[in-house]
Amino acid sequence: MFFESWAALGRVLVVGTGAYAALVLVLRVSGKRTLSKMNAFDLVVTVSLGSSLATVLLSKTVALAEGVLAFSLLIALQWLVAWASVRSQAFRRIIKAEPSLLFFDGRMNDAALRRERVVPDEVLAAARSAGFADLGQVWAVVLETDGTFSVIGRTGGGDDADAMRSVAGYPPLR
């Protein structure tokens, strides 16, 4: 159907404006962590918020108050998971993946590439994006928990590389 009624369009305008304002307010109150780079749980919350907003906008059977409660519940759950992951390493391991070492000291880590479903060309692209034309200048490439690649140059690595201690596969067997 192309057009139902002016009242239906008015409802979308009024409820949509209210739902949008409520969502922005709830996100603002919840803090920066809610809008950070995404891990799997953050993605679920983001998709759920979008779905809830669409339902509130387009379903006549869902009241604005119910939508605001749904937004608040999702943000509260996200906050609770973030709070628990900061306080419990076991919980953090369940919620977040660990970074993976894809390239180290001149060699691709084929097992990690397969496990993470990354092709060597993506590692090369990450090195180029980081300004390295020669892999000889690259010490390590890490696939981070949010799906981004970290490229560490030779001057940034070594036996005392503290930032590497949480990376799966580091230090590699030589």
Protein backbone atom coordinates (compact mmCIF):
# COMPACT_ATOMS: atom_id res chain seq x y z
CA MET A 1 0.00 0.00 0.00
CA PHE A 2 1.37 3.40 -0.95
CA PHE A 3 -0.59 5.63 1.43
CA GLU A 4 -2.68 4.71 4.45
CA SER A 5 -3.59 7.99 6.12
CA TRP A 6 -2.30 11.34 7.23
CA ALA A 7 -2.70 10.19 10.83
CA ALA A 8 -0.27 7.31 10.22
CA LEU A 9 2.28 9.72 8.75
CA GLY A 10 1.76 12.08 11.69
CA ARG A 11 2.32 9.20 14.14
CA VAL A 12 5.62 8.35 12.46
CA LEU A 13 6.72 11.99 12.69
CA VAL A 14 5.74 12.43 16.34
CA VAL A 15 6.81 9.01 17.63
CA GLY A 16 9.94 9.03 15.45
CA THR A 17 11.04 12.38 16.81
CA GLY A 18 10.38 11.27 20.40
CA ALA A 19 12.09 7.89 19.93
CA TYR A 20 15.11 9.51 18.28
CA ALA A 21 15.43 12.09 21.07
CA ALA A 22 15.07 9.37 23.71
CA LEU A 23 17.69 7.16 22.03
CA VAL A 24 20.18 10.04 21.80
CA LEU A 25 19.55 10.91 25.45
CA VAL A 26 19.96 7.30 26.64
CA LEU A 27 23.16 6.90 24.60
CA ARG A 28 24.52 10.19 25.93
CA VAL A 29 23.78 9.27 29.54
CA SER A 30 25.30 5.79 29.13
CA GLY A 31 28.76 7.17 28.38
CA LYS A 32 31.45 6.87 25.74
CA ARG A 33 31.86 3.10 26.10
CA THR A 34 28.50 2.50 24.43
CA LEU A 35 29.69 4.23 21.28
CA SER A 36 33.21 2.77 21.19
CA LYS A 37 34.66 0.55 18.51
CA MET A 38 32.62 -2.59 18.42
CA ASN A 39 33.23 -6.09 19.61
CA ALA A 40 30.62 -8.83 19.10
CA PHE A 41 28.48 -7.75 22.04
CA ASP A 42 28.56 -4.08 21.02
CA LEU A 43 27.43 -5.07 17.52
CA VAL A 44 24.48 -7.01 18.95
CA VAL A 45 23.45 -4.01 21.04
CA THR A 46 23.77 -1.65 18.06
CA VAL A 47 21.70 -3.86 15.77
CA SER A 48 19.12 -4.36 18.53
CA LEU A 49 18.84 -0.62 19.10
CA GLY A 50 18.31 -0.07 15.38
CA SER A 51 15.69 -2.79 15.22
CA SER A 52 13.92 -1.40 18.28
CA LEU A 53 13.91 2.09 16.79
CA ALA A 54 12.44 0.78 13.54
CA THR A 55 9.77 -1.16 15.42
CA VAL A 56 8.79 1.86 17.51
CA LEU A 57 8.63 4.00 14.37
CA LEU A 58 6.61 1.67 12.20
CA SER A 59 4.53 -0.54 14.48
CA LYS A 60 1.30 0.97 15.72
CA THR A 61 1.16 -1.65 18.49
CA VAL A 62 4.37 -0.46 20.19
CA ALA A 63 4.04 2.66 22.30
CA LEU A 64 6.82 5.22 22.58
CA ALA A 65 7.20 4.43 26.32
CA GLU A 66 7.77 0.75 25.49
CA GLY A 67 10.41 1.72 22.94
CA VAL A 68 12.20 3.99 25.40
CA LEU A 69 12.15 1.15 27.95
CA ALA A 70 13.63 -1.20 25.31
CA PHE A 71 16.40 1.32 24.51
CA SER A 72 17.14 1.74 28.21
CA LEU A 73 17.20 -2.01 28.81
CA LEU A 74 19.62 -2.65 25.95
CA ILE A 75 21.95 0.15 27.07
CA ALA A 76 21.76 -1.02 30.69
CA LEU A 77 22.66 -4.58 29.64
CA GLN A 78 25.56 -3.25 27.57
CA TRP A 79 26.73 -1.20 30.55
CA LEU A 80 26.42 -4.23 32.85
CA VAL A 81 28.47 -6.42 30.51
CA ALA A 82 31.15 -3.72 30.19
CA TRP A 83 31.19 -3.28 33.98
CA ALA A 84 31.54 -7.04 34.54
CA SER A 85 34.24 -7.41 31.90
CA VAL A 86 36.33 -4.70 33.58
CA ARG A 87 36.10 -6.54 36.91
CA SER A 88 36.39 -10.18 35.82
CA GLN A 89 39.00 -11.62 33.49
CA ALA A 90 36.97 -14.84 33.09
CA PHE A 91 33.90 -12.86 32.04
CA ARG A 92 36.01 -10.71 29.71
CA ARG A 93 37.28 -13.86 27.95
CA ILE A 94 33.70 -14.96 27.32
CA ILE A 95 32.60 -11.59 25.92
CA LYS A 96 35.66 -10.42 24.00
CA ALA A 97 37.91 -12.20 21.57
CA GLU A 98 41.62 -11.84 22.06
CA PRO A 99 43.84 -10.14 19.50
CA SER A 100 45.64 -12.50 17.09
CA LEU A 101 49.17 -12.33 15.74
CA LEU A 102 48.91 -12.63 11.93
CA PHE A 103 52.43 -11.65 10.91
CA PHE A 104 55.59 -11.67 12.95
CA ASP A 105 59.22 -10.94 12.19
CA GLY A 106 59.02 -11.53 8.44
CA ARG A 107 56.60 -14.48 8.43
CA MET A 108 52.87 -14.88 8.01
CA ASN A 109 51.19 -16.95 10.73
CA ASP A 110 49.23 -19.29 8.43
CA ALA A 111 47.33 -21.00 11.26
CA ALA A 112 46.12 -17.66 12.65
CA LEU A 113 45.24 -16.41 9.15
CA ARG A 114 43.05 -19.48 8.56
CA ARG A 115 41.48 -19.34 12.03
CA GLU A 116 40.62 -15.64 11.65
CA ARG A 117 39.59 -16.01 7.97
CA VAL A 118 42.10 -13.41 6.81
CA VAL A 119 44.01 -13.67 3.54
CA PRO A 120 47.64 -12.53 3.26
CA ASP A 121 46.60 -9.73 0.89
CA GLU A 122 44.65 -8.14 3.76
CA VAL A 123 47.79 -8.16 5.91
CA LEU A 124 49.70 -6.54 3.05
CA ALA A 125 46.95 -3.91 2.68
CA ALA A 126 47.14 -3.16 6.40
CA ALA A 127 50.92 -2.68 6.13
CA ARG A 128 50.48 -0.32 3.18
CA SER A 129 47.77 1.62 5.02
CA ALA A 130 50.17 2.06 7.92
CA GLY A 131 52.78 3.49 5.55
CA PHE A 132 55.00 0.43 5.08
CA ALA A 133 55.91 -0.51 1.49
CA ASP A 134 58.40 -3.14 2.64
CA LEU A 135 57.41 -5.95 5.01
CA GLY A 136 61.01 -5.99 6.17
CA GLN A 137 60.16 -2.81 8.10
CA VAL A 138 57.18 -4.50 9.81
CA TRP A 139 57.75 -6.34 13.08
CA ALA A 140 54.16 -7.54 13.65
CA VAL A 141 50.59 -7.30 12.38
CA VAL A 142 47.83 -7.97 14.91
CA LEU A 143 44.12 -8.49 14.23
CA GLU A 144 42.50 -6.59 17.10
CA THR A 145 39.29 -7.53 18.91
CA ASP A 146 37.30 -4.92 16.99
CA GLY A 147 38.45 -6.28 13.60
CA THR A 148 41.06 -3.62 12.89
CA PHE A 149 44.68 -4.35 12.06
CA SER A 150 47.54 -2.95 14.13
CA VAL A 151 50.83 -2.74 12.28
CA ILE A 152 53.95 -2.41 14.41
CA GLY A 153 57.20 -1.33 12.81
CA ARG A 154 60.58 -2.82 13.65
CA THR A 155 61.42 0.11 15.94
CA GLY A 156 58.28 -0.57 17.99
CA GLY A 157 58.89 -4.23 18.80
CA GLY A 158 61.24 -6.27 20.86
CA ASP A 159 61.48 -8.71 23.75
CA ASP A 160 60.00 -6.18 26.17
CA ALA A 161 56.91 -5.38 24.07
CA ASP A 162 54.37 -4.98 26.91
CA ALA A 163 51.49 -4.16 24.57
CA MET A 164 51.83 -7.60 22.97
CA ARG A 165 51.26 -9.67 26.12
CA SER A 166 47.50 -10.14 25.47
CA VAL A 167 47.96 -11.13 21.81
CA ALA A 168 47.20 -14.77 21.01
CA GLY A 169 50.29 -16.38 19.49
CA TYR A 170 52.84 -14.01 21.05
CA PRO A 171 55.61 -14.73 21.60
CA PRO A 172 55.71 -17.20 18.71
CA LEU A 173 57.90 -20.25 18.81
CA ARG A 174 61.03 -19.60 16.80
